[in-house]
Amino acid sequence: MDGQLITNKLSCEPTVLSNKIISNAEKDILKIVVVNRYKDAPVAKAFIKNFRLKKGAIASSVAHDSHNIVAVGVDDESICLAVNKIIEKKGGVSAASYFKSDDGNETSEDVAIVALPVAGLMSNEDGYKVAEAYTRIDKEAKKMGSTLSSPFMTLSFMALLVIPHLKLSDLGLFNGDKFEFIN
């Protein structure tokens, strides 16, 4: 919910394509992933509502408390692009879109990033330049469809397990009410 850290539990009918559960931007049910920044581990995956992206993905290494990489997106290719750009820059916030032509033969990428190479949380650049870059990337997320007043700030709390009701960590989906992982 916009301006809130609490996430509600929702049950929805999944969209299935080729035996895979996928995002459905029309219903605003998007994929959320958490990638462990500290060791090779499986990517944790779930679905989230109310980010309202119509295309692409956003990602961040500012993800309380562990500061793994958390991303929300419309398609796996855009999510991978956003996450990989953060890995390449050793931290940051990114907005990315991956496009395929109608015939599937041509692809293109559009990526914006604010690099945060100091522990994945801070920049060693001039503060005014970082603020300007952050303003641009925030606008980019909103051009991609997000109606959240602060999409990257909201994203940064989606992996903070102590805030109810459901959150996603690198270990999986967590029920903050029962304080246990969901199998």
N, C-alpha and C. Protein backbone atom coordinates (compact mmCIF):
# COMPACT_ATOMS: atom_id res chain seq x y z
N MET A 1 0.85 -1.17 0.00
CA MET A 1 0.00 0.00 0.00
C MET A 1 0.89 1.23 0.00
N ASP A 2 0.52 2.20 -0.79
CA ASP A 2 1.34 3.40 -0.91
C ASP A 2 1.50 4.09 0.44
N GLY A 3 2.74 4.41 0.77
CA GLY A 3 3.03 5.09 2.02
C GLY A 3 3.01 4.20 3.24
N GLN A 4 2.87 2.90 3.04
CA GLN A 4 2.80 1.94 4.14
C GLN A 4 3.92 0.93 4.03
N LEU A 5 4.35 0.40 5.16
CA LEU A 5 5.33 -0.68 5.16
C LEU A 5 4.66 -2.04 5.34
N ILE A 6 3.43 -2.02 5.83
CA ILE A 6 2.68 -3.26 6.04
C ILE A 6 2.19 -3.77 4.69
N THR A 7 2.32 -5.08 4.51
CA THR A 7 1.80 -5.72 3.29
C THR A 7 0.68 -6.65 3.68
N ASN A 8 -0.39 -6.64 2.92
CA ASN A 8 -1.51 -7.53 3.18
C ASN A 8 -1.31 -8.86 2.48
N LYS A 9 -1.99 -9.88 2.98
CA LYS A 9 -1.99 -11.19 2.32
C LYS A 9 -3.15 -11.21 1.33
N LEU A 10 -2.86 -11.65 0.11
CA LEU A 10 -3.89 -11.79 -0.91
C LEU A 10 -3.81 -13.17 -1.53
N SER A 11 -4.94 -13.72 -1.86
CA SER A 11 -4.99 -14.97 -2.61
C SER A 11 -5.56 -14.65 -3.98
N CYS A 12 -4.82 -15.00 -5.02
CA CYS A 12 -5.24 -14.71 -6.39
C CYS A 12 -5.04 -15.95 -7.25
N GLU A 13 -5.81 -16.03 -8.29
CA GLU A 13 -5.64 -17.10 -9.28
C GLU A 13 -4.42 -16.77 -10.11
N PRO A 14 -3.44 -17.69 -10.19
CA PRO A 14 -2.22 -17.38 -10.94
C PRO A 14 -2.43 -17.40 -12.45
N THR A 15 -1.59 -16.64 -13.14
CA THR A 15 -1.55 -16.68 -14.60
C THR A 15 -0.48 -17.70 -14.98
N VAL A 16 -0.87 -18.71 -15.75
CA VAL A 16 0.03 -19.80 -16.11
C VAL A 16 0.23 -19.79 -17.61
N LEU A 17 1.51 -19.84 -18.02
CA LEU A 17 1.86 -19.90 -19.44
C LEU A 17 2.96 -20.94 -19.59
N SER A 18 2.75 -21.93 -20.43
CA SER A 18 3.72 -23.01 -20.63
C SER A 18 4.12 -23.67 -19.32
N ASN A 19 3.13 -23.93 -18.48
CA ASN A 19 3.32 -24.58 -17.17
C ASN A 19 4.16 -23.76 -16.20
N LYS A 20 4.26 -22.44 -16.40
CA LYS A 20 4.99 -21.56 -15.49
C LYS A 20 4.05 -20.47 -15.00
N ILE A 21 4.12 -20.17 -13.71
CA ILE A 21 3.35 -19.06 -13.17
C ILE A 21 4.10 -17.78 -13.50
N ILE A 22 3.40 -16.84 -14.11
CA ILE A 22 4.04 -15.60 -14.57
C ILE A 22 3.31 -14.38 -14.02
N SER A 23 3.95 -13.23 -14.13
CA SER A 23 3.33 -11.96 -13.76
C SER A 23 2.16 -11.67 -14.68
N ASN A 24 1.24 -10.85 -14.19
CA ASN A 24 0.13 -10.40 -14.99
C ASN A 24 -0.04 -8.90 -14.76
N ALA A 25 0.59 -8.10 -15.61
CA ALA A 25 0.58 -6.64 -15.44
C ALA A 25 -0.84 -6.07 -15.52
N GLU A 26 -1.72 -6.70 -16.31
CA GLU A 26 -3.10 -6.22 -16.42
C GLU A 26 -3.82 -6.31 -15.09
N LYS A 27 -3.53 -7.35 -14.31
CA LYS A 27 -4.14 -7.52 -12.98
C LYS A 27 -3.24 -6.97 -11.87
N ASP A 28 -2.11 -6.39 -12.26
CA ASP A 28 -1.15 -5.83 -11.31
C ASP A 28 -0.63 -6.88 -10.33
N ILE A 29 -0.38 -8.07 -10.85
CA ILE A 29 0.26 -9.12 -10.05
C ILE A 29 1.63 -9.34 -10.68
N LEU A 30 2.66 -8.85 -9.99
CA LEU A 30 4.01 -8.84 -10.53
C LEU A 30 4.91 -9.76 -9.73
N LYS A 31 5.99 -10.18 -10.36
CA LYS A 31 6.97 -11.04 -9.68
C LYS A 31 7.87 -10.19 -8.81
N ILE A 32 8.16 -10.69 -7.62
CA ILE A 32 9.15 -10.09 -6.73
C ILE A 32 10.20 -11.15 -6.47
N VAL A 33 11.46 -10.75 -6.50
CA VAL A 33 12.56 -11.68 -6.25
C VAL A 33 13.54 -11.06 -5.26
N VAL A 34 14.24 -11.92 -4.53
CA VAL A 34 15.34 -11.48 -3.68
C VAL A 34 16.54 -12.34 -4.04
N VAL A 35 17.65 -11.66 -4.36
CA VAL A 35 18.89 -12.31 -4.75
C VAL A 35 19.91 -12.08 -3.64
N ASN A 36 20.47 -13.16 -3.12
CA ASN A 36 21.48 -13.06 -2.07
C ASN A 36 22.73 -12.40 -2.65
N ARG A 37 23.21 -11.33 -2.01
CA ARG A 37 24.40 -10.60 -2.47
C ARG A 37 25.69 -11.19 -1.93
N TYR A 38 25.62 -12.11 -1.00
CA TYR A 38 26.81 -12.53 -0.26
C TYR A 38 27.30 -13.93 -0.59
N LYS A 39 26.44 -14.74 -1.19
CA LYS A 39 26.85 -16.09 -1.58
C LYS A 39 25.92 -16.58 -2.69
N ASP A 40 26.40 -17.59 -3.42
CA ASP A 40 25.55 -18.21 -4.43
C ASP A 40 24.42 -18.95 -3.73
N ALA A 41 23.21 -18.64 -4.10
CA ALA A 41 22.03 -19.25 -3.49
C ALA A 41 20.88 -19.15 -4.48
N PRO A 42 19.90 -20.02 -4.33
CA PRO A 42 18.73 -19.90 -5.21
C PRO A 42 18.03 -18.55 -5.02
N VAL A 43 17.45 -18.04 -6.09
CA VAL A 43 16.71 -16.78 -6.04
C VAL A 43 15.35 -17.06 -5.41
N ALA A 44 14.98 -16.28 -4.41
CA ALA A 44 13.66 -16.40 -3.79
C ALA A 44 12.66 -15.66 -4.66
N LYS A 45 11.47 -16.25 -4.86
CA LYS A 45 10.48 -15.66 -5.76
C LYS A 45 9.09 -15.70 -5.12
N ALA A 46 8.32 -14.68 -5.40
CA ALA A 46 6.92 -14.62 -4.97
C ALA A 46 6.21 -13.63 -5.89
N PHE A 47 4.99 -13.28 -5.55
CA PHE A 47 4.23 -12.30 -6.33
C PHE A 47 3.75 -11.19 -5.42
N ILE A 48 3.60 -10.01 -6.00
CA ILE A 48 3.24 -8.82 -5.23
C ILE A 48 2.25 -7.99 -6.05
N LYS A 49 1.44 -7.23 -5.35
CA LYS A 49 0.43 -6.39 -6.01
C LYS A 49 0.62 -4.94 -5.56
N ASN A 50 0.21 -4.04 -6.40
CA ASN A 50 0.15 -2.59 -6.15
C ASN A 50 1.41 -1.82 -6.51
N PHE A 51 2.38 -2.45 -7.16
CA PHE A 51 3.48 -1.66 -7.73
C PHE A 51 3.05 -1.05 -9.05
N ARG A 52 2.11 -1.69 -9.72
CA ARG A 52 1.46 -1.19 -10.93
C ARG A 52 2.38 -0.93 -12.13
N LEU A 53 3.51 -1.59 -12.17
CA LEU A 53 4.37 -1.47 -13.36
C LEU A 53 3.63 -2.07 -14.55
N LYS A 54 3.74 -1.42 -15.67
CA LYS A 54 3.14 -1.91 -16.91
C LYS A 54 4.18 -2.54 -17.82
N LYS A 55 5.45 -2.21 -17.55
CA LYS A 55 6.56 -2.78 -18.31
C LYS A 55 7.79 -2.75 -17.42
N GLY A 56 8.76 -3.60 -17.74
CA GLY A 56 10.06 -3.54 -17.09
C GLY A 56 10.10 -4.00 -15.65
N ALA A 57 11.16 -3.55 -14.96
CA ALA A 57 11.40 -3.95 -13.58
C ALA A 57 12.20 -2.88 -12.86
N ILE A 58 12.06 -2.84 -11.55
CA ILE A 58 12.91 -2.01 -10.72
C ILE A 58 13.61 -2.91 -9.72
N ALA A 59 14.82 -2.52 -9.30
CA ALA A 59 15.59 -3.34 -8.37
C ALA A 59 16.42 -2.44 -7.49
N SER A 60 16.83 -2.99 -6.34
CA SER A 60 17.61 -2.20 -5.38
C SER A 60 18.43 -3.09 -4.47
N SER A 61 19.64 -2.62 -4.14
CA SER A 61 20.44 -3.30 -3.11
C SER A 61 20.23 -2.61 -1.76
N VAL A 62 19.42 -1.57 -1.73
CA VAL A 62 19.00 -0.96 -0.47
C VAL A 62 17.73 -1.70 -0.08
N ALA A 63 17.89 -2.77 0.69
CA ALA A 63 16.78 -3.67 1.01
C ALA A 63 16.95 -4.13 2.46
N HIS A 64 16.30 -3.42 3.34
CA HIS A 64 16.45 -3.65 4.78
C HIS A 64 16.07 -5.09 5.15
N ASP A 65 16.69 -5.73 6.02
CA ASP A 65 17.85 -5.47 6.83
C ASP A 65 19.13 -6.06 6.26
N SER A 66 19.01 -7.02 5.38
CA SER A 66 20.19 -7.72 4.88
C SER A 66 20.83 -7.06 3.67
N HIS A 67 20.11 -6.19 3.02
CA HIS A 67 20.59 -5.48 1.83
C HIS A 67 21.01 -6.43 0.71
N ASN A 68 20.20 -7.48 0.56
CA ASN A 68 20.29 -8.30 -0.64
C ASN A 68 19.65 -7.49 -1.76
N ILE A 69 19.62 -8.03 -2.96
CA ILE A 69 18.98 -7.32 -4.07
C ILE A 69 17.52 -7.75 -4.15
N VAL A 70 16.64 -6.80 -4.12
CA VAL A 70 15.21 -7.06 -4.26
C VAL A 70 14.74 -6.39 -5.55
N ALA A 71 13.89 -7.09 -6.29
CA ALA A 71 13.39 -6.56 -7.57
C ALA A 71 11.93 -6.93 -7.75
N VAL A 72 11.21 -6.06 -8.43
CA VAL A 72 9.82 -6.30 -8.82
C VAL A 72 9.73 -6.01 -10.30
N GLY A 73 9.04 -6.92 -11.04
CA GLY A 73 8.95 -6.67 -12.46
C GLY A 73 7.84 -7.41 -13.17
N VAL A 74 7.65 -6.99 -14.40
CA VAL A 74 6.61 -7.52 -15.27
C VAL A 74 7.06 -8.81 -15.95
N ASP A 75 8.36 -8.91 -16.26
CA ASP A 75 8.86 -10.09 -16.96
C ASP A 75 10.25 -10.46 -16.45
N ASP A 76 10.58 -11.72 -16.59
CA ASP A 76 11.85 -12.24 -16.07
C ASP A 76 13.06 -11.57 -16.72
N GLU A 77 12.98 -11.28 -18.01
CA GLU A 77 14.12 -10.67 -18.70
C GLU A 77 14.44 -9.29 -18.13
N SER A 78 13.40 -8.50 -17.88
CA SER A 78 13.62 -7.17 -17.31
C SER A 78 14.13 -7.27 -15.88
N ILE A 79 13.60 -8.21 -15.11
CA ILE A 79 14.08 -8.41 -13.74
C ILE A 79 15.56 -8.77 -13.76
N CYS A 80 15.94 -9.70 -14.62
CA CYS A 80 17.35 -10.11 -14.71
C CYS A 80 18.23 -8.93 -15.12
N LEU A 81 17.77 -8.14 -16.06
CA LEU A 81 18.52 -6.98 -16.52
C LEU A 81 18.73 -5.98 -15.37
N ALA A 82 17.69 -5.70 -14.62
CA ALA A 82 17.78 -4.76 -13.50
C ALA A 82 18.71 -5.28 -12.41
N VAL A 83 18.59 -6.57 -12.08
CA VAL A 83 19.43 -7.17 -11.05
C VAL A 83 20.88 -7.23 -11.50
N ASN A 84 21.11 -7.67 -12.73
CA ASN A 84 22.49 -7.79 -13.22
C ASN A 84 23.21 -6.45 -13.29
N LYS A 85 22.48 -5.38 -13.58
CA LYS A 85 23.10 -4.05 -13.61
C LYS A 85 23.54 -3.66 -12.19
N ILE A 86 22.77 -4.01 -11.19
CA ILE A 86 23.16 -3.73 -9.80
C ILE A 86 24.39 -4.55 -9.42
N ILE A 87 24.42 -5.80 -9.83
CA ILE A 87 25.59 -6.64 -9.55
C ILE A 87 26.83 -6.05 -10.22
N GLU A 88 26.68 -5.64 -11.47
CA GLU A 88 27.79 -5.05 -12.22
C GLU A 88 28.35 -3.80 -11.53
N LYS A 89 27.47 -2.97 -10.97
CA LYS A 89 27.89 -1.72 -10.34
C LYS A 89 28.20 -1.89 -8.85
N LYS A 90 28.11 -3.13 -8.35
CA LYS A 90 28.39 -3.43 -6.94
C LYS A 90 27.42 -2.74 -5.98
N GLY A 91 26.18 -2.54 -6.45
CA GLY A 91 25.12 -1.97 -5.64
C GLY A 91 24.45 -0.82 -6.33
N GLY A 92 23.20 -0.56 -5.93
CA GLY A 92 22.49 0.58 -6.49
C GLY A 92 21.00 0.34 -6.61
N VAL A 93 20.35 1.25 -7.30
CA VAL A 93 18.94 1.12 -7.67
C VAL A 93 18.87 1.20 -9.18
N SER A 94 18.01 0.37 -9.77
CA SER A 94 17.93 0.35 -11.24
C SER A 94 16.49 0.23 -11.71
N ALA A 95 16.28 0.69 -12.91
CA ALA A 95 15.02 0.51 -13.63
C ALA A 95 15.39 0.00 -15.01
N ALA A 96 14.76 -1.08 -15.43
CA ALA A 96 15.16 -1.70 -16.69
C ALA A 96 13.95 -2.25 -17.44
N SER A 97 14.04 -2.19 -18.75
CA SER A 97 13.02 -2.79 -19.62
C SER A 97 13.73 -3.56 -20.71
N TYR A 98 13.25 -4.74 -20.97
CA TYR A 98 13.77 -5.62 -22.02
C TYR A 98 12.65 -5.78 -23.03
N PHE A 99 12.95 -5.54 -24.29
CA PHE A 99 11.92 -5.60 -25.34
C PHE A 99 12.28 -6.63 -26.39
N LYS A 100 11.26 -7.36 -26.84
CA LYS A 100 11.40 -8.28 -27.98
C LYS A 100 10.52 -7.76 -29.10
N SER A 101 11.01 -7.90 -30.32
CA SER A 101 10.18 -7.53 -31.46
C SER A 101 9.04 -8.54 -31.58
N ASP A 102 8.02 -8.16 -32.33
CA ASP A 102 6.86 -9.04 -32.49
C ASP A 102 7.23 -10.40 -33.06
N ASP A 103 8.25 -10.44 -33.93
CA ASP A 103 8.66 -11.72 -34.51
C ASP A 103 9.67 -12.45 -33.62
N GLY A 104 10.10 -11.81 -32.52
CA GLY A 104 11.01 -12.46 -31.57
C GLY A 104 12.47 -12.45 -31.99
N ASN A 105 12.79 -11.81 -33.13
CA ASN A 105 14.16 -11.84 -33.63
C ASN A 105 15.04 -10.72 -33.10
N GLU A 106 14.45 -9.60 -32.74
CA GLU A 106 15.25 -8.47 -32.28
C GLU A 106 14.90 -8.15 -30.83
N THR A 107 15.92 -7.77 -30.07
CA THR A 107 15.70 -7.36 -28.69
C THR A 107 16.39 -6.02 -28.46
N SER A 108 15.92 -5.31 -27.48
CA SER A 108 16.58 -4.08 -27.06
C SER A 108 16.43 -3.94 -25.56
N GLU A 109 17.31 -3.14 -24.97
CA GLU A 109 17.31 -2.95 -23.53
C GLU A 109 17.33 -1.47 -23.22
N ASP A 110 16.68 -1.13 -22.14
CA ASP A 110 16.70 0.24 -21.63
C ASP A 110 16.96 0.13 -20.14
N VAL A 111 18.09 0.67 -19.67
CA VAL A 111 18.47 0.53 -18.27
C VAL A 111 18.91 1.88 -17.71
N ALA A 112 18.41 2.19 -16.53
CA ALA A 112 18.88 3.36 -15.78
C ALA A 112 19.35 2.85 -14.42
N ILE A 113 20.43 3.42 -13.91
CA ILE A 113 20.94 2.98 -12.60
C ILE A 113 21.55 4.16 -11.86
N VAL A 114 21.37 4.11 -10.55
CA VAL A 114 22.12 4.97 -9.65
C VAL A 114 23.04 4.01 -8.91
N ALA A 115 24.32 4.08 -9.22
CA ALA A 115 25.29 3.16 -8.62
C ALA A 115 25.52 3.54 -7.16
N LEU A 116 25.52 2.52 -6.29
CA LEU A 116 25.80 2.69 -4.86
C LEU A 116 26.86 1.66 -4.47
N PRO A 117 28.10 1.86 -4.90
CA PRO A 117 29.13 0.85 -4.71
C PRO A 117 29.69 0.74 -3.29
N VAL A 118 29.38 1.66 -2.42
CA VAL A 118 29.86 1.59 -1.04
C VAL A 118 28.85 0.76 -0.23
N ALA A 119 29.18 -0.51 -0.07
CA ALA A 119 28.33 -1.48 0.64
C ALA A 119 26.96 -1.66 -0.01
N GLY A 120 26.79 -1.21 -1.25
CA GLY A 120 25.51 -1.33 -1.92
C GLY A 120 24.49 -0.34 -1.40
N LEU A 121 24.94 0.61 -0.55
CA LEU A 121 24.04 1.54 0.11
C LEU A 121 24.36 3.01 -0.14
N MET A 122 25.61 3.29 -0.47
CA MET A 122 26.05 4.68 -0.60
C MET A 122 26.88 4.86 -1.86
N SER A 123 26.95 6.12 -2.28
CA SER A 123 27.76 6.49 -3.43
C SER A 123 28.97 7.28 -2.96
N ASN A 124 30.03 7.23 -3.74
CA ASN A 124 31.19 8.08 -3.47
C ASN A 124 31.20 9.30 -4.40
N GLU A 125 30.08 9.52 -5.08
CA GLU A 125 29.93 10.67 -5.98
C GLU A 125 29.37 11.87 -5.21
N ASP A 126 29.39 13.01 -5.86
CA ASP A 126 28.83 14.24 -5.30
C ASP A 126 27.35 14.03 -4.97
N GLY A 127 26.95 14.46 -3.79
CA GLY A 127 25.57 14.28 -3.33
C GLY A 127 24.53 14.89 -4.23
N TYR A 128 24.84 16.05 -4.83
CA TYR A 128 23.89 16.70 -5.74
C TYR A 128 23.70 15.87 -7.01
N LYS A 129 24.79 15.28 -7.50
CA LYS A 129 24.68 14.43 -8.70
C LYS A 129 23.87 13.17 -8.40
N VAL A 130 24.08 12.59 -7.22
CA VAL A 130 23.34 11.39 -6.84
C VAL A 130 21.85 11.73 -6.69
N ALA A 131 21.55 12.85 -6.07
CA ALA A 131 20.14 13.27 -5.91
C ALA A 131 19.48 13.49 -7.26
N GLU A 132 20.19 14.09 -8.18
CA GLU A 132 19.67 14.32 -9.52
C GLU A 132 19.42 12.99 -10.24
N ALA A 133 20.37 12.06 -10.12
CA ALA A 133 20.22 10.74 -10.75
C ALA A 133 19.05 9.97 -10.13
N TYR A 134 18.90 10.09 -8.82
CA TYR A 134 17.80 9.40 -8.14
C TYR A 134 16.45 9.97 -8.58
N THR A 135 16.37 11.27 -8.73
CA THR A 135 15.14 11.89 -9.21
C THR A 135 14.79 11.37 -10.60
N ARG A 136 15.81 11.24 -11.46
CA ARG A 136 15.57 10.71 -12.82
C ARG A 136 15.08 9.27 -12.78
N ILE A 137 15.70 8.43 -11.95
CA ILE A 137 15.32 7.01 -11.94
C ILE A 137 13.94 6.82 -11.30
N ASP A 138 13.60 7.67 -10.33
CA ASP A 138 12.27 7.64 -9.74
C ASP A 138 11.22 7.97 -10.80
N LYS A 139 11.51 8.99 -11.62
CA LYS A 139 10.60 9.34 -12.72
C LYS A 139 10.50 8.20 -13.73
N GLU A 140 11.61 7.51 -13.98
CA GLU A 140 11.61 6.38 -14.91
C GLU A 140 10.69 5.27 -14.41
N ALA A 141 10.76 4.96 -13.12
CA ALA A 141 9.88 3.94 -12.55
C ALA A 141 8.42 4.34 -12.71
N LYS A 142 8.13 5.60 -12.57
CA LYS A 142 6.76 6.08 -12.73
C LYS A 142 6.34 6.06 -14.19
N LYS A 143 7.27 6.32 -15.11
CA LYS A 143 6.96 6.19 -16.55
C LYS A 143 6.65 4.75 -16.91
N MET A 144 7.25 3.81 -16.17
CA MET A 144 7.00 2.39 -16.41
C MET A 144 5.65 1.96 -15.82
N GLY A 145 4.97 2.88 -15.13
CA GLY A 145 3.62 2.62 -14.67
C GLY A 145 3.41 2.70 -13.17
N SER A 146 4.47 2.70 -12.37
CA SER A 146 4.27 2.72 -10.92
C SER A 146 3.55 3.99 -10.49
N THR A 147 2.54 3.81 -9.65
CA THR A 147 1.81 4.95 -9.11
C THR A 147 2.18 5.19 -7.65
N LEU A 148 3.13 4.42 -7.13
CA LEU A 148 3.58 4.63 -5.76
C LEU A 148 4.30 5.98 -5.66
N SER A 149 4.10 6.68 -4.58
CA SER A 149 4.76 7.98 -4.43
C SER A 149 6.27 7.82 -4.35
N SER A 150 6.73 6.69 -3.83
CA SER A 150 8.17 6.45 -3.70
C SER A 150 8.46 4.96 -3.95
N PRO A 151 8.48 4.54 -5.23
CA PRO A 151 8.59 3.11 -5.54
C PRO A 151 9.85 2.44 -4.99
N PHE A 152 11.00 3.13 -5.02
CA PHE A 152 12.23 2.51 -4.53
C PHE A 152 12.25 2.41 -3.02
N MET A 153 11.67 3.39 -2.34
CA MET A 153 11.58 3.32 -0.88
C MET A 153 10.66 2.16 -0.49
N THR A 154 9.53 2.03 -1.16
CA THR A 154 8.63 0.91 -0.88
C THR A 154 9.34 -0.41 -1.13
N LEU A 155 10.04 -0.50 -2.25
CA LEU A 155 10.76 -1.73 -2.60
C LEU A 155 11.77 -2.10 -1.51
N SER A 156 12.43 -1.10 -0.94
CA SER A 156 13.49 -1.37 0.04
C SER A 156 12.97 -2.05 1.31
N PHE A 157 11.68 -1.97 1.56
CA PHE A 157 11.12 -2.58 2.77
C PHE A 157 10.40 -3.91 2.50
N MET A 158 10.35 -4.36 1.26
CA MET A 158 9.63 -5.60 0.95
C MET A 158 10.38 -6.85 1.42
N ALA A 159 11.62 -6.69 1.87
CA ALA A 159 12.38 -7.82 2.39
C ALA A 159 12.67 -7.67 3.89
N LEU A 160 11.99 -6.74 4.55
CA LEU A 160 12.19 -6.53 5.98
C LEU A 160 11.18 -7.40 6.73
N LEU A 161 11.64 -8.53 7.21
CA LEU A 161 10.77 -9.59 7.72
C LEU A 161 9.98 -9.22 8.97
N VAL A 162 10.43 -8.26 9.75
CA VAL A 162 9.76 -7.97 11.02
C VAL A 162 8.49 -7.15 10.86
N ILE A 163 8.20 -6.69 9.64
CA ILE A 163 6.99 -5.90 9.40
C ILE A 163 5.93 -6.79 8.76
N PRO A 164 4.74 -6.89 9.40
CA PRO A 164 3.68 -7.77 8.88
C PRO A 164 3.23 -7.35 7.49
N HIS A 165 2.60 -8.14 6.76
CA HIS A 165 2.17 -9.48 7.07
C HIS A 165 3.06 -10.48 6.32
N LEU A 166 3.26 -10.26 5.04
CA LEU A 166 4.15 -11.12 4.26
C LEU A 166 5.31 -10.32 3.71
N LYS A 167 6.49 -10.91 3.76
CA LYS A 167 7.68 -10.31 3.16
C LYS A 167 8.48 -11.43 2.50
N LEU A 168 9.43 -11.06 1.65
CA LEU A 168 10.25 -12.03 0.95
C LEU A 168 11.71 -11.79 1.31
N SER A 169 12.39 -12.83 1.78
CA SER A 169 13.83 -12.75 2.03
C SER A 169 14.53 -13.68 1.05
N ASP A 170 15.85 -13.71 1.12
CA ASP A 170 16.60 -14.62 0.26
C ASP A 170 16.31 -16.08 0.62
N LEU A 171 15.70 -16.32 1.77
CA LEU A 171 15.36 -17.68 2.20
C LEU A 171 13.92 -18.06 1.86
N GLY A 172 13.13 -17.12 1.35
CA GLY A 172 11.77 -17.42 0.95
C GLY A 172 10.74 -16.48 1.55
N LEU A 173 9.47 -16.82 1.33
CA LEU A 173 8.35 -16.02 1.80
C LEU A 173 8.19 -16.19 3.31
N PHE A 174 7.99 -15.06 4.02
CA PHE A 174 7.96 -15.06 5.47
C PHE A 174 6.66 -14.46 5.98
N ASN A 175 6.03 -15.16 6.92
CA ASN A 175 4.81 -14.69 7.55
C ASN A 175 5.21 -13.93 8.81
N GLY A 176 5.10 -12.61 8.78
CA GLY A 176 5.47 -11.78 9.92
C GLY A 176 4.54 -11.88 11.09
N ASP A 177 3.31 -12.36 10.87
CA ASP A 177 2.36 -12.54 11.97
C ASP A 177 2.72 -13.75 12.82
N LYS A 178 3.07 -14.83 12.15
CA LYS A 178 3.44 -16.08 12.85
C LYS A 178 4.94 -16.17 13.08
N PHE A 179 5.70 -15.26 12.47
CA PHE A 179 7.16 -15.22 12.52
C PHE A 179 7.75 -16.56 12.09
N GLU A 180 7.33 -16.99 10.88
CA GLU A 180 7.86 -18.23 10.32
C GLU A 180 7.82 -18.18 8.79
N PHE A 181 8.70 -18.96 8.19
CA PHE A 181 8.72 -19.06 6.74
C PHE A 181 7.55 -19.89 6.27
N ILE A 182 7.04 -19.57 5.09
CA ILE A 182 5.94 -20.30 4.48
C ILE A 182 6.53 -21.32 3.54
N ASN A 183 6.17 -22.56 3.67
CA ASN A 183 6.71 -23.62 2.80
C ASN A 183 6.07 -23.61 1.45
